[in-house]
Amino acid sequence: MPDLTPVIAACARWLLNAYPPPPGALSRALAEAQARQAATLAAALRHPTALDVQLLDLLGPGGADWLDHLTGCDPHPDDSAWRTWVDETVVSWAACLLADPALAAHALATTGHHADVGAMDRLTHPNTHDTHATALLRHPDLLEPVAGLHRTGLMQRLAVEGAGTA
């Protein structure tokens, strides 16, 4: 199967730039792990087949311009290369998963990633250190402009009760 790594890395990086962790190497590492887990799970849900990934490679993910506009982010000019790999839907779904660990656990159960026991624990069962490191990244009110973009699609993909009302 083709690789989603560039999209996952770009989406996680965008999330960390838009919702930075508190100062410190440990906070940065914990926030990065959670952002990467959320982006990985969201990308697996968004592009579940090899054909989906090949189409993504062919057409491109779309970039971060609209997300920047929504959050008021002013990107550095040197960031243009990785920013083209940001997939707006993956970022939106990752934001939904970060804001709701129970939803993340449900999403994990619907994908093949659940075979990796403990691989997504920081996303689905954040401890005190994880929560402190992602105070902005997991804040539902701050994430809402981004999470709300494609929440309905995620809920439909997961067949979650109330999908049409979000």
C-alpha atoms as a PDB file:
ATOM      1  CA  MET A   1       0.000   0.000   0.000  1.00  0.00           C
ATOM      2  CA  PRO A   2       1.318   3.492  -0.802  1.00  0.00           C
ATOM      3  CA  ASP A   3       2.537   5.628   2.060  1.00  0.00           C
ATOM      4  CA  LEU A   4       0.532   8.275   3.933  1.00  0.00           C
ATOM      5  CA  THR A   5       3.575   9.431   5.908  1.00  0.00           C
ATOM      6  CA  PRO A   6       3.962  12.848   4.183  1.00  0.00           C
ATOM      7  CA  VAL A   7       0.310  13.724   4.816  1.00  0.00           C
ATOM      8  CA  ILE A   8       0.419  12.474   8.420  1.00  0.00           C
ATOM      9  CA  ALA A   9       3.607  14.424   9.141  1.00  0.00           C
ATOM     10  CA  ALA A  10       2.300  17.627   7.531  1.00  0.00           C
ATOM     11  CA  CYS A  11      -1.073  17.429   9.303  1.00  0.00           C
ATOM     12  CA  ALA A  12       0.543  16.771  12.693  1.00  0.00           C
ATOM     13  CA  ARG A  13       2.966  19.645  12.133  1.00  0.00           C
ATOM     14  CA  TRP A  14       0.134  21.989  11.160  1.00  0.00           C
ATOM     15  CA  LEU A  15      -1.800  21.054  14.317  1.00  0.00           C
ATOM     16  CA  LEU A  16       1.268  21.690  16.490  1.00  0.00           C
ATOM     17  CA  ASN A  17       1.910  25.052  14.837  1.00  0.00           C
ATOM     18  CA  ALA A  18      -1.723  26.136  15.222  1.00  0.00           C
ATOM     19  CA  TYR A  19      -2.118  24.795  18.788  1.00  0.00           C
ATOM     20  CA  PRO A  20       1.379  24.826  20.306  1.00  0.00           C
ATOM     21  CA  PRO A  21       2.328  22.983  23.479  1.00  0.00           C
ATOM     22  CA  PRO A  22       3.708  24.727  26.558  1.00  0.00           C
ATOM     23  CA  PRO A  23       7.461  25.355  26.568  1.00  0.00           C
ATOM     24  CA  GLY A  24       9.744  22.398  27.199  1.00  0.00           C
ATOM     25  CA  ALA A  25      11.067  19.378  25.377  1.00  0.00           C
ATOM     26  CA  LEU A  26       8.822  16.892  27.182  1.00  0.00           C
ATOM     27  CA  SER A  27       5.671  18.895  26.434  1.00  0.00           C
ATOM     28  CA  ARG A  28       6.689  19.201  22.791  1.00  0.00           C
ATOM     29  CA  ALA A  29       7.378  15.456  22.503  1.00  0.00           C
ATOM     30  CA  LEU A  30       4.097  14.482  24.180  1.00  0.00           C
ATOM     31  CA  ALA A  31       2.078  16.916  22.051  1.00  0.00           C
ATOM     32  CA  GLU A  32       3.810  15.726  18.894  1.00  0.00           C
ATOM     33  CA  ALA A  33       3.069  12.086  19.736  1.00  0.00           C
ATOM     34  CA  GLN A  34      -0.614  12.857  20.241  1.00  0.00           C
ATOM     35  CA  ALA A  35      -0.896  15.007  17.112  1.00  0.00           C
ATOM     36  CA  ARG A  36       0.811  12.278  15.070  1.00  0.00           C
ATOM     37  CA  GLN A  37      -1.472   9.585  16.518  1.00  0.00           C
ATOM     38  CA  ALA A  38      -4.564  11.654  15.715  1.00  0.00           C
ATOM     39  CA  ALA A  39      -3.334  12.429  12.194  1.00  0.00           C
ATOM     40  CA  THR A  40      -2.437   8.772  11.612  1.00  0.00           C
ATOM     41  CA  LEU A  41      -5.858   7.562  12.661  1.00  0.00           C
ATOM     42  CA  ALA A  42      -7.634  10.321  10.727  1.00  0.00           C
ATOM     43  CA  ALA A  43      -5.592   9.590   7.589  1.00  0.00           C
ATOM     44  CA  ALA A  44      -6.358   5.862   7.866  1.00  0.00           C
ATOM     45  CA  LEU A  45     -10.064   6.665   8.112  1.00  0.00           C
ATOM     46  CA  ARG A  46      -9.979   9.236   5.308  1.00  0.00           C
ATOM     47  CA  HIS A  47      -7.865   7.158   2.891  1.00  0.00           C
ATOM     48  CA  PRO A  48      -8.667   3.541   3.798  1.00  0.00           C
ATOM     49  CA  THR A  49      -7.667   1.816   0.552  1.00  0.00           C
ATOM     50  CA  ALA A  50      -4.580   1.714  -1.629  1.00  0.00           C
ATOM     51  CA  LEU A  51      -6.616   3.352  -4.412  1.00  0.00           C
ATOM     52  CA  ASP A  52      -7.535   6.249  -2.088  1.00  0.00           C
ATOM     53  CA  VAL A  53      -3.881   6.806  -1.278  1.00  0.00           C
ATOM     54  CA  GLN A  54      -2.867   6.607  -4.935  1.00  0.00           C
ATOM     55  CA  LEU A  55      -5.518   9.201  -5.817  1.00  0.00           C
ATOM     56  CA  LEU A  56      -4.213  11.394  -3.013  1.00  0.00           C
ATOM     57  CA  ASP A  57      -0.697  11.080  -4.439  1.00  0.00           C
ATOM     58  CA  LEU A  58      -1.978  11.933  -7.914  1.00  0.00           C
ATOM     59  CA  LEU A  59      -4.277  14.826  -7.031  1.00  0.00           C
ATOM     60  CA  GLY A  60      -2.586  16.169  -3.906  1.00  0.00           C
ATOM     61  CA  PRO A  61      -4.137  16.856  -0.528  1.00  0.00           C
ATOM     62  CA  GLY A  62      -4.974  20.538  -1.061  1.00  0.00           C
ATOM     63  CA  GLY A  63      -2.743  22.378   1.395  1.00  0.00           C
ATOM     64  CA  ALA A  64      -3.292  24.434   4.534  1.00  0.00           C
ATOM     65  CA  ASP A  65      -4.462  27.798   3.200  1.00  0.00           C
ATOM     66  CA  TRP A  66      -8.100  27.543   4.316  1.00  0.00           C
ATOM     67  CA  LEU A  67      -7.111  26.142   7.712  1.00  0.00           C
ATOM     68  CA  ASP A  68      -4.724  29.067   8.184  1.00  0.00           C
ATOM     69  CA  HIS A  69      -7.502  31.484   7.303  1.00  0.00           C
ATOM     70  CA  LEU A  70      -9.858  29.887   9.864  1.00  0.00           C
ATOM     71  CA  THR A  71      -7.321  29.979  12.679  1.00  0.00           C
ATOM     72  CA  GLY A  72      -5.628  33.262  11.799  1.00  0.00           C
ATOM     73  CA  CYS A  73      -2.317  31.482  11.371  1.00  0.00           C
ATOM     74  CA  ASP A  74       0.342  33.450   9.514  1.00  0.00           C
ATOM     75  CA  PRO A  75       2.705  30.842   8.061  1.00  0.00           C
ATOM     76  CA  HIS A  76       6.409  31.450   7.654  1.00  0.00           C
ATOM     77  CA  PRO A  77       7.389  31.765   3.949  1.00  0.00           C
ATOM     78  CA  ASP A  78       9.913  28.926   4.324  1.00  0.00           C
ATOM     79  CA  ASP A  79       7.091  26.549   5.313  1.00  0.00           C
ATOM     80  CA  SER A  80       5.524  26.334   1.865  1.00  0.00           C
ATOM     81  CA  ALA A  81       6.910  22.901   0.920  1.00  0.00           C
ATOM     82  CA  TRP A  82       5.483  20.796   3.763  1.00  0.00           C
ATOM     83  CA  ARG A  83       2.264  22.819   3.912  1.00  0.00           C
ATOM     84  CA  THR A  84       1.194  21.558   0.490  1.00  0.00           C
ATOM     85  CA  TRP A  85       0.882  18.067   2.028  1.00  0.00           C
ATOM     86  CA  VAL A  86      -1.711  19.168   4.599  1.00  0.00           C
ATOM     87  CA  ASP A  87      -5.067  17.477   4.027  1.00  0.00           C
ATOM     88  CA  GLU A  88      -7.850  19.679   5.414  1.00  0.00           C
ATOM     89  CA  THR A  89     -10.161  16.748   6.086  1.00  0.00           C
ATOM     90  CA  VAL A  90      -7.464  14.770   7.888  1.00  0.00           C
ATOM     91  CA  VAL A  91      -6.674  17.795  10.075  1.00  0.00           C
ATOM     92  CA  SER A  92     -10.367  18.340  10.823  1.00  0.00           C
ATOM     93  CA  TRP A  93     -10.897  14.678  11.710  1.00  0.00           C
ATOM     94  CA  ALA A  94      -7.718  14.658  13.819  1.00  0.00           C
ATOM     95  CA  ALA A  95      -9.035  17.714  15.685  1.00  0.00           C
ATOM     96  CA  CYS A  96     -12.296  15.856  16.371  1.00  0.00           C
ATOM     97  CA  LEU A  97     -10.338  12.857  17.687  1.00  0.00           C
ATOM     98  CA  LEU A  98      -8.104  15.016  19.873  1.00  0.00           C
ATOM     99  CA  ALA A  99     -11.071  16.832  21.398  1.00  0.00           C
ATOM    100  CA  ASP A 100     -12.909  13.606  22.250  1.00  0.00           C
ATOM    101  CA  PRO A 101     -10.851  10.606  23.467  1.00  0.00           C
ATOM    102  CA  ALA A 102     -13.977   8.408  23.516  1.00  0.00           C
ATOM    103  CA  LEU A 103     -14.570   9.163  19.842  1.00  0.00           C
ATOM    104  CA  ALA A 104     -10.901   8.411  19.176  1.00  0.00           C
ATOM    105  CA  ALA A 105     -11.266   5.040  20.924  1.00  0.00           C
ATOM    106  CA  HIS A 106     -14.357   4.279  18.830  1.00  0.00           C
ATOM    107  CA  ALA A 107     -12.528   5.291  15.644  1.00  0.00           C
ATOM    108  CA  LEU A 108      -9.565   3.146  16.602  1.00  0.00           C
ATOM    109  CA  ALA A 109     -11.839   0.151  17.045  1.00  0.00           C
ATOM    110  CA  THR A 110     -13.157   0.594  13.485  1.00  0.00           C
ATOM    111  CA  THR A 111      -9.714   0.516  11.861  1.00  0.00           C
ATOM    112  CA  GLY A 112      -6.943  -2.049  11.601  1.00  0.00           C
ATOM    113  CA  HIS A 113      -4.783   0.043  13.923  1.00  0.00           C
ATOM    114  CA  HIS A 114      -6.370  -1.538  17.002  1.00  0.00           C
ATOM    115  CA  ALA A 115      -4.109  -4.561  16.498  1.00  0.00           C
ATOM    116  CA  ASP A 116      -1.217  -2.484  17.852  1.00  0.00           C
ATOM    117  CA  VAL A 117      -2.080  -2.748  21.540  1.00  0.00           C
ATOM    118  CA  GLY A 118      -1.118   0.444  23.323  1.00  0.00           C
ATOM    119  CA  ALA A 119       0.001   2.166  20.120  1.00  0.00           C
ATOM    120  CA  MET A 120      -2.590   4.942  20.436  1.00  0.00           C
ATOM    121  CA  ASP A 121      -2.967   5.171  24.225  1.00  0.00           C
ATOM    122  CA  ARG A 122      -1.856   8.807  24.352  1.00  0.00           C
ATOM    123  CA  LEU A 123      -4.716   9.676  21.992  1.00  0.00           C
ATOM    124  CA  THR A 124      -7.423   7.493  23.515  1.00  0.00           C
ATOM    125  CA  HIS A 125      -6.402   7.533  27.197  1.00  0.00           C
ATOM    126  CA  PRO A 126      -4.266  10.625  27.823  1.00  0.00           C
ATOM    127  CA  ASN A 127      -2.627  10.806  31.231  1.00  0.00           C
ATOM    128  CA  THR A 128      -2.025  13.994  33.232  1.00  0.00           C
ATOM    129  CA  HIS A 129       1.237  14.784  31.434  1.00  0.00           C
ATOM    130  CA  ASP A 130      -0.373  14.205  28.016  1.00  0.00           C
ATOM    131  CA  THR A 131      -3.278  16.478  28.887  1.00  0.00           C
ATOM    132  CA  HIS A 132      -0.993  19.237  30.189  1.00  0.00           C
ATOM    133  CA  ALA A 133       1.147  19.072  27.037  1.00  0.00           C
ATOM    134  CA  THR A 134      -1.916  19.431  24.817  1.00  0.00           C
ATOM    135  CA  ALA A 135      -3.965  22.014  26.692  1.00  0.00           C
ATOM    136  CA  LEU A 136      -4.555  23.946  23.458  1.00  0.00           C
ATOM    137  CA  LEU A 137      -4.431  20.964  21.094  1.00  0.00           C
ATOM    138  CA  ARG A 138      -7.253  19.151  22.918  1.00  0.00           C
ATOM    139  CA  HIS A 139      -9.381  22.161  23.861  1.00  0.00           C
ATOM    140  CA  PRO A 140     -12.797  21.574  22.211  1.00  0.00           C
ATOM    141  CA  ASP A 141     -13.686  25.274  21.955  1.00  0.00           C
ATOM    142  CA  LEU A 142     -10.378  26.213  20.347  1.00  0.00           C
ATOM    143  CA  LEU A 143     -10.537  23.249  17.949  1.00  0.00           C
ATOM    144  CA  GLU A 144     -14.147  23.840  16.909  1.00  0.00           C
ATOM    145  CA  PRO A 145     -13.501  25.996  13.811  1.00  0.00           C
ATOM    146  CA  VAL A 146     -11.266  23.252  12.414  1.00  0.00           C
ATOM    147  CA  ALA A 147     -13.058  20.206  13.834  1.00  0.00           C
ATOM    148  CA  GLY A 148     -16.428  21.477  12.656  1.00  0.00           C
ATOM    149  CA  LEU A 149     -15.327  21.622   9.023  1.00  0.00           C
ATOM    150  CA  HIS A 150     -15.665  17.900   8.382  1.00  0.00           C
ATOM    151  CA  ARG A 151     -17.098  16.437  11.603  1.00  0.00           C
ATOM    152  CA  THR A 152     -20.243  15.207   9.836  1.00  0.00           C
ATOM    153  CA  GLY A 153     -18.155  13.171   7.391  1.00  0.00           C
ATOM    154  CA  LEU A 154     -16.202  11.588  10.238  1.00  0.00           C
ATOM    155  CA  MET A 155     -19.366  10.737  12.134  1.00  0.00           C
ATOM    156  CA  GLN A 156     -20.867   9.198   9.017  1.00  0.00           C
ATOM    157  CA  ARG A 157     -17.685   7.202   8.389  1.00  0.00           C
ATOM    158  CA  LEU A 158     -17.834   5.926  11.958  1.00  0.00           C
ATOM    159  CA  ALA A 159     -21.645   5.518  11.886  1.00  0.00           C
ATOM    160  CA  VAL A 160     -21.915   7.441  15.159  1.00  0.00           C
ATOM    161  CA  GLU A 161     -25.353   8.271  16.544  1.00  0.00           C
ATOM    162  CA  GLY A 162     -26.351  11.856  15.733  1.00  0.00           C
ATOM    163  CA  ALA A 163     -24.029  12.154  12.722  1.00  0.00           C
ATOM    164  CA  GLY A 164     -26.404  14.417  10.846  1.00  0.00           C
ATOM    165  CA  THR A 165     -26.727  16.935  13.663  1.00  0.00           C
ATOM    166  CA  ALA A 166     -23.088  17.993  13.980  1.00  0.00           C
END
